[in-house]
C-alpha atoms as a PDB file:
ATOM      1  CA  MET A   1      -0.094  -0.112   0.219  1.00  0.00           C
ATOM      2  CA  SER A   2       1.187   3.533  -0.970  1.00  0.00           C
ATOM      3  CA  SER A   3       2.048   5.855   1.815  1.00  0.00           C
ATOM      4  CA  ILE A   4       0.568   9.243   1.626  1.00  0.00           C
ATOM      5  CA  THR A   5       1.211  12.481   3.325  1.00  0.00           C
ATOM      6  CA  PHE A   6      -1.779  15.196   3.583  1.00  0.00           C
ATOM      7  CA  VAL A   7      -1.016  18.979   3.860  1.00  0.00           C
ATOM      8  CA  VAL A   8      -3.560  21.680   4.112  1.00  0.00           C
ATOM      9  CA  GLU A   9      -1.660  24.803   2.986  1.00  0.00           C
ATOM     10  CA  PHE A  10      -2.658  28.467   3.355  1.00  0.00           C
ATOM     11  CA  PHE A  11      -0.836  31.696   2.676  1.00  0.00           C
ATOM     12  CA  PHE A  12      -0.646  34.262   5.504  1.00  0.00           C
ATOM     13  CA  SER A  13       1.128  37.116   3.627  1.00  0.00           C
ATOM     14  CA  PHE A  14      -0.005  40.572   2.705  1.00  0.00           C
ATOM     15  CA  ASP A  15       1.632  43.015   0.403  1.00  0.00           C
ATOM     16  CA  ARG A  16      -1.225  45.627  -0.267  1.00  0.00           C
ATOM     17  CA  PRO A  17      -1.475  49.290  -0.114  1.00  0.00           C
ATOM     18  CA  ASN A  18      -2.344  51.382   3.000  1.00  0.00           C
ATOM     19  CA  ARG A  19      -4.263  49.229   5.762  1.00  0.00           C
ATOM     20  CA  ALA A  20      -3.042  45.840   4.575  1.00  0.00           C
ATOM     21  CA  LEU A  21       0.448  46.511   6.015  1.00  0.00           C
ATOM     22  CA  TRP A  22      -0.953  47.811   9.488  1.00  0.00           C
ATOM     23  CA  PRO A  23      -0.099  45.552  12.372  1.00  0.00           C
ATOM     24  CA  GLU A  24      -3.849  46.084  13.449  1.00  0.00           C
ATOM     25  CA  TRP A  25      -5.102  44.690  10.080  1.00  0.00           C
ATOM     26  CA  ILE A  26      -2.853  41.564  10.150  1.00  0.00           C
ATOM     27  CA  ASN A  27      -4.151  40.901  13.780  1.00  0.00           C
ATOM     28  CA  GLU A  28      -7.532  41.282  12.571  1.00  0.00           C
ATOM     29  CA  ARG A  29      -6.853  38.815   9.874  1.00  0.00           C
ATOM     30  CA  PHE A  30      -5.480  36.287  12.470  1.00  0.00           C
ATOM     31  CA  LYS A  31      -8.420  36.608  14.721  1.00  0.00           C
ATOM     32  CA  LEU A  32     -10.707  35.685  11.809  1.00  0.00           C
ATOM     33  CA  PHE A  33      -8.234  32.743  10.978  1.00  0.00           C
ATOM     34  CA  GLU A  34      -8.707  31.342  14.670  1.00  0.00           C
ATOM     35  CA  LYS A  35     -12.165  31.998  14.814  1.00  0.00           C
ATOM     36  CA  TYR A  36     -13.486  30.482  11.515  1.00  0.00           C
ATOM     37  CA  THR A  37     -10.929  28.675   9.377  1.00  0.00           C
ATOM     38  CA  LEU A  38      -8.952  27.039  12.170  1.00  0.00           C
ATOM     39  CA  ARG A  39     -12.303  25.728  13.790  1.00  0.00           C
ATOM     40  CA  SER A  40     -13.274  24.211  10.580  1.00  0.00           C
ATOM     41  CA  LEU A  41      -9.974  22.370  10.407  1.00  0.00           C
ATOM     42  CA  GLN A  42     -10.129  21.116  13.952  1.00  0.00           C
ATOM     43  CA  ASP A  43     -13.709  19.869  13.256  1.00  0.00           C
ATOM     44  CA  GLN A  44     -12.530  17.694  10.346  1.00  0.00           C
ATOM     45  CA  SER A  45     -13.717  13.836  10.426  1.00  0.00           C
ATOM     46  CA  PHE A  46     -10.417  13.054   8.939  1.00  0.00           C
ATOM     47  CA  GLN A  47      -7.557  14.397  11.079  1.00  0.00           C
ATOM     48  CA  ASP A  48      -4.592  12.597   9.610  1.00  0.00           C
ATOM     49  CA  PHE A  49      -2.997  15.874   7.809  1.00  0.00           C
ATOM     50  CA  ARG A  50      -0.446  18.694   8.599  1.00  0.00           C
ATOM     51  CA  ILE A  51      -1.034  22.407   8.552  1.00  0.00           C
ATOM     52  CA  PHE A  52       1.363  24.778   6.800  1.00  0.00           C
ATOM     53  CA  ALA A  53       1.014  28.596   7.277  1.00  0.00           C
ATOM     54  CA  ILE A  54       3.393  30.293   4.767  1.00  0.00           C
ATOM     55  CA  CYS A  55       4.080  33.798   5.489  1.00  0.00           C
ATOM     56  CA  GLY A  56       5.931  36.652   3.789  1.00  0.00           C
ATOM     57  CA  ASN A  57       9.177  38.310   5.285  1.00  0.00           C
ATOM     58  CA  LYS A  58       7.767  41.884   5.032  1.00  0.00           C
ATOM     59  CA  ASN A  59       5.543  41.501   8.044  1.00  0.00           C
ATOM     60  CA  LYS A  60       7.884  38.779   9.699  1.00  0.00           C
ATOM     61  CA  SER A  61       8.084  40.965  12.762  1.00  0.00           C
ATOM     62  CA  ILE A  62       4.268  40.638  13.238  1.00  0.00           C
ATOM     63  CA  THR A  63       3.361  37.259  11.799  1.00  0.00           C
ATOM     64  CA  GLU A  64       6.133  35.313  13.715  1.00  0.00           C
ATOM     65  CA  ASN A  65       4.766  36.696  16.994  1.00  0.00           C
ATOM     66  CA  LEU A  66       1.341  35.739  16.627  1.00  0.00           C
ATOM     67  CA  PRO A  67      -0.073  32.984  19.004  1.00  0.00           C
ATOM     68  CA  TRP A  68      -0.113  30.072  16.447  1.00  0.00           C
ATOM     69  CA  HIS A  69      -1.719  27.012  17.379  1.00  0.00           C
ATOM     70  CA  PRO A  70       0.835  24.172  18.085  1.00  0.00           C
ATOM     71  CA  ARG A  71      -0.374  22.155  15.332  1.00  0.00           C
ATOM     72  CA  ILE A  72       0.511  24.621  12.674  1.00  0.00           C
ATOM     73  CA  GLU A  73       4.052  24.693  10.960  1.00  0.00           C
ATOM     74  CA  VAL A  74       4.669  28.341  10.304  1.00  0.00           C
ATOM     75  CA  TYR A  75       7.197  29.323   7.549  1.00  0.00           C
ATOM     76  CA  HIS A  76       8.588  32.585   6.561  1.00  0.00           C
ATOM     77  CA  VAL A  77       9.815  33.019   2.938  1.00  0.00           C
ATOM     78  CA  GLU A  78      10.822  35.771   0.540  1.00  0.00           C
ATOM     79  CA  GLY A  79       8.148  37.470  -1.553  1.00  0.00           C
ATOM     80  CA  GLU A  80       4.568  38.530  -0.639  1.00  0.00           C
ATOM     81  CA  ASP A  81       2.126  38.567  -3.571  1.00  0.00           C
ATOM     82  CA  ARG A  82       1.197  34.854  -3.377  1.00  0.00           C
ATOM     83  CA  LEU A  83       5.059  34.335  -3.246  1.00  0.00           C
ATOM     84  CA  TYR A  84       5.745  34.051  -6.892  1.00  0.00           C
ATOM     85  CA  TYR A  85       9.345  34.031  -7.607  1.00  0.00           C
ATOM     86  CA  PRO A  86       9.894  32.369 -10.859  1.00  0.00           C
ATOM     87  CA  LYS A  87      13.435  34.069 -11.287  1.00  0.00           C
ATOM     88  CA  ARG A  88      14.637  32.511  -8.046  1.00  0.00           C
ATOM     89  CA  GLN A  89      16.878  29.594  -8.296  1.00  0.00           C
ATOM     90  CA  ARG A  90      15.102  27.669  -5.441  1.00  0.00           C
ATOM     91  CA  PRO A  91      11.733  29.570  -4.774  1.00  0.00           C
ATOM     92  CA  MET A  92       9.944  28.614  -1.889  1.00  0.00           C
ATOM     93  CA  SER A  93      12.933  26.727  -0.442  1.00  0.00           C
ATOM     94  CA  GLU A  94      12.456  28.053   2.840  1.00  0.00           C
ATOM     95  CA  VAL A  95       9.421  25.688   3.302  1.00  0.00           C
ATOM     96  CA  MET A  96      11.421  22.918   4.930  1.00  0.00           C
ATOM     97  CA  GLY A  97       8.589  20.976   5.917  1.00  0.00           C
ATOM     98  CA  TYR A  98       7.931  19.670   2.266  1.00  0.00           C
ATOM     99  CA  GLN A  99      11.686  18.788   1.825  1.00  0.00           C
ATOM    100  CA  LYS A 100      11.583  16.462   5.132  1.00  0.00           C
ATOM    101  CA  ILE A 101       8.486  14.434   3.645  1.00  0.00           C
ATOM    102  CA  ASN A 102       9.376  11.101   2.169  1.00  0.00           C
ATOM    103  CA  THR A 103       6.129   9.264   1.621  1.00  0.00           C
ATOM    104  CA  ASP A 104       5.192   7.571  -1.851  1.00  0.00           C
ATOM    105  CA  TYR A 105       2.599  10.616  -2.346  1.00  0.00           C
ATOM    106  CA  LEU A 106       2.084  14.144  -1.222  1.00  0.00           C
ATOM    107  CA  VAL A 107      -1.239  15.608  -1.103  1.00  0.00           C
ATOM    108  CA  VAL A 108      -1.362  19.508  -0.758  1.00  0.00           C
ATOM    109  CA  THR A 109      -4.757  21.149  -0.363  1.00  0.00           C
ATOM    110  CA  ARG A 110      -4.854  24.814  -0.697  1.00  0.00           C
ATOM    111  CA  LEU A 111      -6.918  27.197   1.644  1.00  0.00           C
ATOM    112  CA  ASP A 112      -7.455  30.576   2.030  1.00  0.00           C
ATOM    113  CA  SER A 113      -6.959  31.952   5.390  1.00  0.00           C
ATOM    114  CA  ASP A 114     -10.435  33.203   5.869  1.00  0.00           C
ATOM    115  CA  ASP A 115     -12.309  30.222   4.338  1.00  0.00           C
ATOM    116  CA  LEU A 116     -13.760  27.163   5.929  1.00  0.00           C
ATOM    117  CA  PHE A 117     -13.840  23.403   5.234  1.00  0.00           C
ATOM    118  CA  HIS A 118     -16.915  21.476   5.479  1.00  0.00           C
ATOM    119  CA  LYS A 119     -16.247  18.854   8.352  1.00  0.00           C
ATOM    120  CA  ASP A 120     -16.005  15.820   5.666  1.00  0.00           C
ATOM    121  CA  LEU A 121     -14.057  17.652   2.930  1.00  0.00           C
ATOM    122  CA  MET A 122     -10.773  16.257   4.143  1.00  0.00           C
ATOM    123  CA  ALA A 123     -12.138  12.872   4.321  1.00  0.00           C
ATOM    124  CA  GLU A 124     -13.547  13.142   0.888  1.00  0.00           C
ATOM    125  CA  ILE A 125     -10.186  14.230  -0.617  1.00  0.00           C
ATOM    126  CA  SER A 126      -8.379  11.170   1.391  1.00  0.00           C
ATOM    127  CA  ASP A 127     -11.091   8.831  -0.271  1.00  0.00           C
ATOM    128  CA  SER A 128     -10.761  10.631  -3.739  1.00  0.00           C
ATOM    129  CA  VAL A 129      -7.081  10.646  -4.299  1.00  0.00           C
ATOM    130  CA  PHE A 130      -5.925   9.240  -7.562  1.00  0.00           C
ATOM    131  CA  LEU A 131      -2.404   8.143  -7.308  1.00  0.00           C
ATOM    132  CA  ASP A 132      -0.625   8.305 -10.743  1.00  0.00           C
ATOM    133  CA  SER A 133       2.933   8.845 -11.863  1.00  0.00           C
ATOM    134  CA  LYS A 134       2.185  12.552 -12.646  1.00  0.00           C
ATOM    135  CA  ARG A 135       0.321  14.911 -10.913  1.00  0.00           C
ATOM    136  CA  SER A 136      -3.331  14.804 -10.425  1.00  0.00           C
ATOM    137  CA  VAL A 137      -5.870  17.370  -9.314  1.00  0.00           C
ATOM    138  CA  LEU A 138      -9.021  17.697  -7.074  1.00  0.00           C
ATOM    139  CA  VAL A 139     -10.984  20.777  -7.486  1.00  0.00           C
ATOM    140  CA  VAL A 140     -14.092  22.158  -5.842  1.00  0.00           C
ATOM    141  CA  LYS A 141     -15.934  24.410  -8.069  1.00  0.00           C
ATOM    142  CA  LYS A 142     -19.394  24.589  -6.077  1.00  0.00           C
ATOM    143  CA  TYR A 143     -19.178  26.612  -2.754  1.00  0.00           C
ATOM    144  CA  ILE A 144     -20.720  28.594  -0.237  1.00  0.00           C
ATOM    145  CA  ARG A 145     -20.304  32.378   0.394  1.00  0.00           C
ATOM    146  CA  TRP A 146     -21.034  33.717   3.830  1.00  0.00           C
ATOM    147  CA  ASP A 147     -21.394  37.380   4.305  1.00  0.00           C
ATOM    148  CA  ILE A 148     -20.816  38.132   7.993  1.00  0.00           C
ATOM    149  CA  LEU A 149     -21.388  41.829   7.663  1.00  0.00           C
ATOM    150  CA  GLN A 150     -24.981  41.588   6.200  1.00  0.00           C
ATOM    151  CA  ASP A 151     -25.801  38.099   7.464  1.00  0.00           C
ATOM    152  CA  TYR A 152     -26.503  36.075   4.429  1.00  0.00           C
ATOM    153  CA  VAL A 153     -25.321  32.897   2.761  1.00  0.00           C
ATOM    154  CA  ILE A 154     -25.365  32.233  -1.011  1.00  0.00           C
ATOM    155  CA  TYR A 155     -24.945  28.784  -2.761  1.00  0.00           C
ATOM    156  CA  ASP A 156     -22.487  29.575  -5.541  1.00  0.00           C
ATOM    157  CA  GLY A 157     -20.809  27.576  -8.477  1.00  0.00           C
ATOM    158  CA  HIS A 158     -17.963  28.652 -10.929  1.00  0.00           C
ATOM    159  CA  SER A 159     -17.171  26.734 -14.061  1.00  0.00           C
ATOM    160  CA  ARG A 160     -13.544  27.304 -13.131  1.00  0.00           C
ATOM    161  CA  SER A 161     -12.083  27.802  -9.845  1.00  0.00           C
ATOM    162  CA  THR A 162      -8.281  28.416  -9.422  1.00  0.00           C
ATOM    163  CA  THR A 163      -8.636  28.733  -5.312  1.00  0.00           C
ATOM    164  CA  PHE A 164     -10.050  25.474  -4.189  1.00  0.00           C
ATOM    165  CA  TYR A 165      -7.780  22.818  -5.359  1.00  0.00           C
ATOM    166  CA  THR A 166      -5.753  19.853  -4.118  1.00  0.00           C
ATOM    167  CA  HIS A 167      -2.528  18.790  -5.907  1.00  0.00           C
ATOM    168  CA  VAL A 168      -1.406  15.010  -5.650  1.00  0.00           C
ATOM    169  CA  PHE A 169       2.217  14.695  -6.178  1.00  0.00           C
ATOM    170  CA  PRO A 170       4.316  11.210  -6.507  1.00  0.00           C
ATOM    171  CA  ARG A 171       7.468  11.133  -4.978  1.00  0.00           C
ATOM    172  CA  SER A 172       9.312  11.560  -8.288  1.00  0.00           C
ATOM    173  CA  ILE A 173       7.815  14.986  -8.511  1.00  0.00           C
ATOM    174  CA  TYR A 174       7.750  16.628  -5.072  1.00  0.00           C
ATOM    175  CA  LYS A 175      11.481  15.390  -4.525  1.00  0.00           C
ATOM    176  CA  ASN A 176      12.627  17.278  -7.623  1.00  0.00           C
ATOM    177  CA  TRP A 177      12.163  20.622  -5.780  1.00  0.00           C
ATOM    178  CA  ASN A 178      12.214  22.749  -8.884  1.00  0.00           C
ATOM    179  CA  ASN A 179       9.883  20.680 -10.497  1.00  0.00           C
ATOM    180  CA  PHE A 180       7.412  20.684  -7.506  1.00  0.00           C
ATOM    181  CA  VAL A 181       7.495  24.236  -7.033  1.00  0.00           C
ATOM    182  CA  THR A 182       6.907  25.162 -10.681  1.00  0.00           C
ATOM    183  CA  GLN A 183       4.009  22.669 -10.673  1.00  0.00           C
ATOM    184  CA  HIS A 184       2.358  23.648  -7.410  1.00  0.00           C
ATOM    185  CA  TYR A 185       3.210  27.342  -6.815  1.00  0.00           C
ATOM    186  CA  LEU A 186       4.453  29.092 -10.187  1.00  0.00           C
ATOM    187  CA  ASN A 187       1.558  27.698 -12.316  1.00  0.00           C
ATOM    188  CA  LEU A 188      -0.720  28.243  -9.567  1.00  0.00           C
ATOM    189  CA  ARG A 189      -3.390  30.096 -11.864  1.00  0.00           C
ATOM    190  CA  LEU A 190      -3.743  26.985 -13.990  1.00  0.00           C
ATOM    191  CA  ALA A 191      -3.827  24.741 -11.021  1.00  0.00           C
ATOM    192  CA  GLY A 192      -3.974  21.840 -13.289  1.00  0.00           C
ATOM    193  CA  LEU A 193      -7.626  22.330 -14.195  1.00  0.00           C
ATOM    194  CA  ASP A 194      -7.244  20.821 -17.719  1.00  0.00           C
ATOM    195  CA  LEU A 195      -5.191  17.842 -16.877  1.00  0.00           C
ATOM    196  CA  PRO A 196      -6.890  14.540 -17.666  1.00  0.00           C
ATOM    197  CA  THR A 197      -6.319  13.472 -14.027  1.00  0.00           C
ATOM    198  CA  THR A 198      -8.443  16.492 -12.615  1.00  0.00           C
ATOM    199  CA  LYS A 199     -11.474  15.367 -10.708  1.00  0.00           C
ATOM    200  CA  GLU A 200     -14.285  17.775  -9.319  1.00  0.00           C
ATOM    201  CA  ILE A 201     -15.237  16.991  -5.773  1.00  0.00           C
ATOM    202  CA  GLY A 202     -16.657  18.493  -2.596  1.00  0.00           C
ATOM    203  CA  GLU A 203     -19.684  20.112  -3.977  1.00  0.00           C
ATOM    204  CA  PHE A 204     -20.700  23.000  -1.435  1.00  0.00           C
ATOM    205  CA  LYS A 205     -18.062  21.815   1.009  1.00  0.00           C
ATOM    206  CA  ILE A 206     -15.986  25.122   1.161  1.00  0.00           C
ATOM    207  CA  CYS A 207     -17.266  28.271   2.696  1.00  0.00           C
ATOM    208  CA  SER A 208     -15.850  31.563   1.571  1.00  0.00           C
ATOM    209  CA  LEU A 209     -16.133  34.355   3.937  1.00  0.00           C
ATOM    210  CA  ARG A 210     -16.968  37.975   3.302  1.00  0.00           C
ATOM    211  CA  HIS A 211     -15.838  40.410   6.072  1.00  0.00           C
ATOM    212  CA  ALA A 212     -14.429  43.824   6.832  1.00  0.00           C
ATOM    213  CA  ASN A 213     -10.905  42.929   5.897  1.00  0.00           C
ATOM    214  CA  ASN A 214     -11.026  41.017   2.552  1.00  0.00           C
ATOM    215  CA  ILE A 215      -8.183  41.232   0.432  1.00  0.00           C
ATOM    216  CA  SER A 216     -10.311  41.875  -2.612  1.00  0.00           C
ATOM    217  CA  ASP A 217     -11.980  44.943  -1.092  1.00  0.00           C
ATOM    218  CA  VAL A 218      -8.602  46.199  -0.174  1.00  0.00           C
ATOM    219  CA  LYS A 219      -7.440  45.983  -4.115  1.00  0.00           C
ATOM    220  CA  ASN A 220     -10.955  47.684  -5.011  1.00  0.00           C
ATOM    221  CA  LYS A 221     -10.080  50.539  -2.285  1.00  0.00           C
ATOM    222  CA  GLY A 222     -13.077  49.719  -0.341  1.00  0.00           C
ATOM    223  CA  ILE A 223     -15.651  49.252  -3.170  1.00  0.00           C
ATOM    224  CA  ARG A 224     -17.499  46.060  -2.572  1.00  0.00           C
ATOM    225  CA  ILE A 225     -18.713  43.898  -5.098  1.00  0.00           C
ATOM    226  CA  GLU A 226     -22.069  42.267  -4.689  1.00  0.00           C
ATOM    227  CA  TRP A 227     -22.529  38.498  -5.170  1.00  0.00           C
ATOM    228  CA  GLY A 228     -25.087  37.237  -7.432  1.00  0.00           C
ATOM    229  CA  GLY A 229     -27.334  34.415  -6.419  1.00  0.00           C
ATOM    230  CA  GLU A 230     -30.249  33.830  -4.031  1.00  0.00           C
ATOM    231  CA  LYS A 231     -29.594  35.071  -0.681  1.00  0.00           C
ATOM    232  CA  ILE A 232     -30.397  32.914   2.349  1.00  0.00           C
ATOM    233  CA  THR A 233     -31.130  35.208   5.352  1.00  0.00           C
ATOM    234  CA  ASP A 234     -33.070  32.950   7.811  1.00  0.00           C
ATOM    235  CA  LYS A 235     -30.658  32.897  10.647  1.00  0.00           C
ATOM    236  CA  ILE A 236     -31.918  29.220  11.752  1.00  0.00           C
ATOM    237  CA  ILE A 237     -30.986  27.910   8.340  1.00  0.00           C
ATOM    238  CA  ILE A 238     -27.791  29.794   8.229  1.00  0.00           C
ATOM    239  CA  THR A 239     -26.914  28.364  11.633  1.00  0.00           C
ATOM    240  CA  GLU A 240     -27.728  24.657  10.354  1.00  0.00           C
ATOM    241  CA  ILE A 241     -25.647  25.168   7.448  1.00  0.00           C
ATOM    242  CA  LEU A 242     -22.565  26.711   9.144  1.00  0.00           C
ATOM    243  CA  ALA A 243     -22.633  23.729  11.952  1.00  0.00           C
ATOM    244  CA  ASN A 244     -21.165  21.624   9.255  1.00  0.00           C
ATOM    245  CA  PHE A 245     -18.253  23.846   8.881  1.00  0.00           C
ATOM    246  CA  GLY A 246     -17.269  23.961  12.632  1.00  0.00           C
ATOM    247  CA  ILE A 247     -19.182  27.019  13.616  1.00  0.00           C
ATOM    248  CA  ARG A 248     -21.953  26.347  16.288  1.00  0.00           C
ATOM    249  CA  GLU A 249     -24.481  28.585  16.803  1.00  0.00           C
ATOM    250  CA  ALA A 250     -23.246  30.960  13.965  1.00  0.00           C
ATOM    251  CA  TYR A 251     -24.436  34.357  15.524  1.00  0.00           C
ATOM    252  CA  LYS A 252     -23.008  33.521  18.832  1.00  0.00           C
ATOM    253  CA  ALA A 253     -19.627  32.442  17.281  1.00  0.00           C
END
């Protein structure tokens, strides 16, 4: 039987104008991570995975002093904007956690630091892994949006999603560091969506959070883009939905 290491990876790196560089802003983002994202990971029915937080160096004095949960492995690397450094000889080489893995396969699930996983998503990923001699990809295209400012939930679906994906690498790829980095980080926007080994999973098993400190709102200078779709505003229904994402009694969370 093949040995597999599962990793949930998220970037906690901010290089945006004005408020995105403020210590208060980063601390608020960390509170959101602890309150929502971390709780959803702790609530997973499948728990055999590691958690990597990848932080940039610009705000290292802040992020290295945050009270990270003991389970989270924190790495500080060069670069800020999604940490793309294609001209570097060994981009992302500071993430030593990957270099120490030696199982037959490495399964990396990408997560934003303000998103939530359904309690059974990692179990579904574990059951859906396609072991191949090349990279294979699992993608979630249909997900939930929760606006905590206006108190509503929307069921959404995109024909293409570059955010919610899982990469499955055989040892021959992830042990070749430059090859691994190129396929996992530098080609992130492609995310392997057109590979023949791409499989869609996890319908509505990711919850994307809308809050006061969204990166997209920072880039849009505070102009909020309204989501389309039918809004669910009944708080009882919303509470029932979010209970599956580790959020008990949503409006008391």
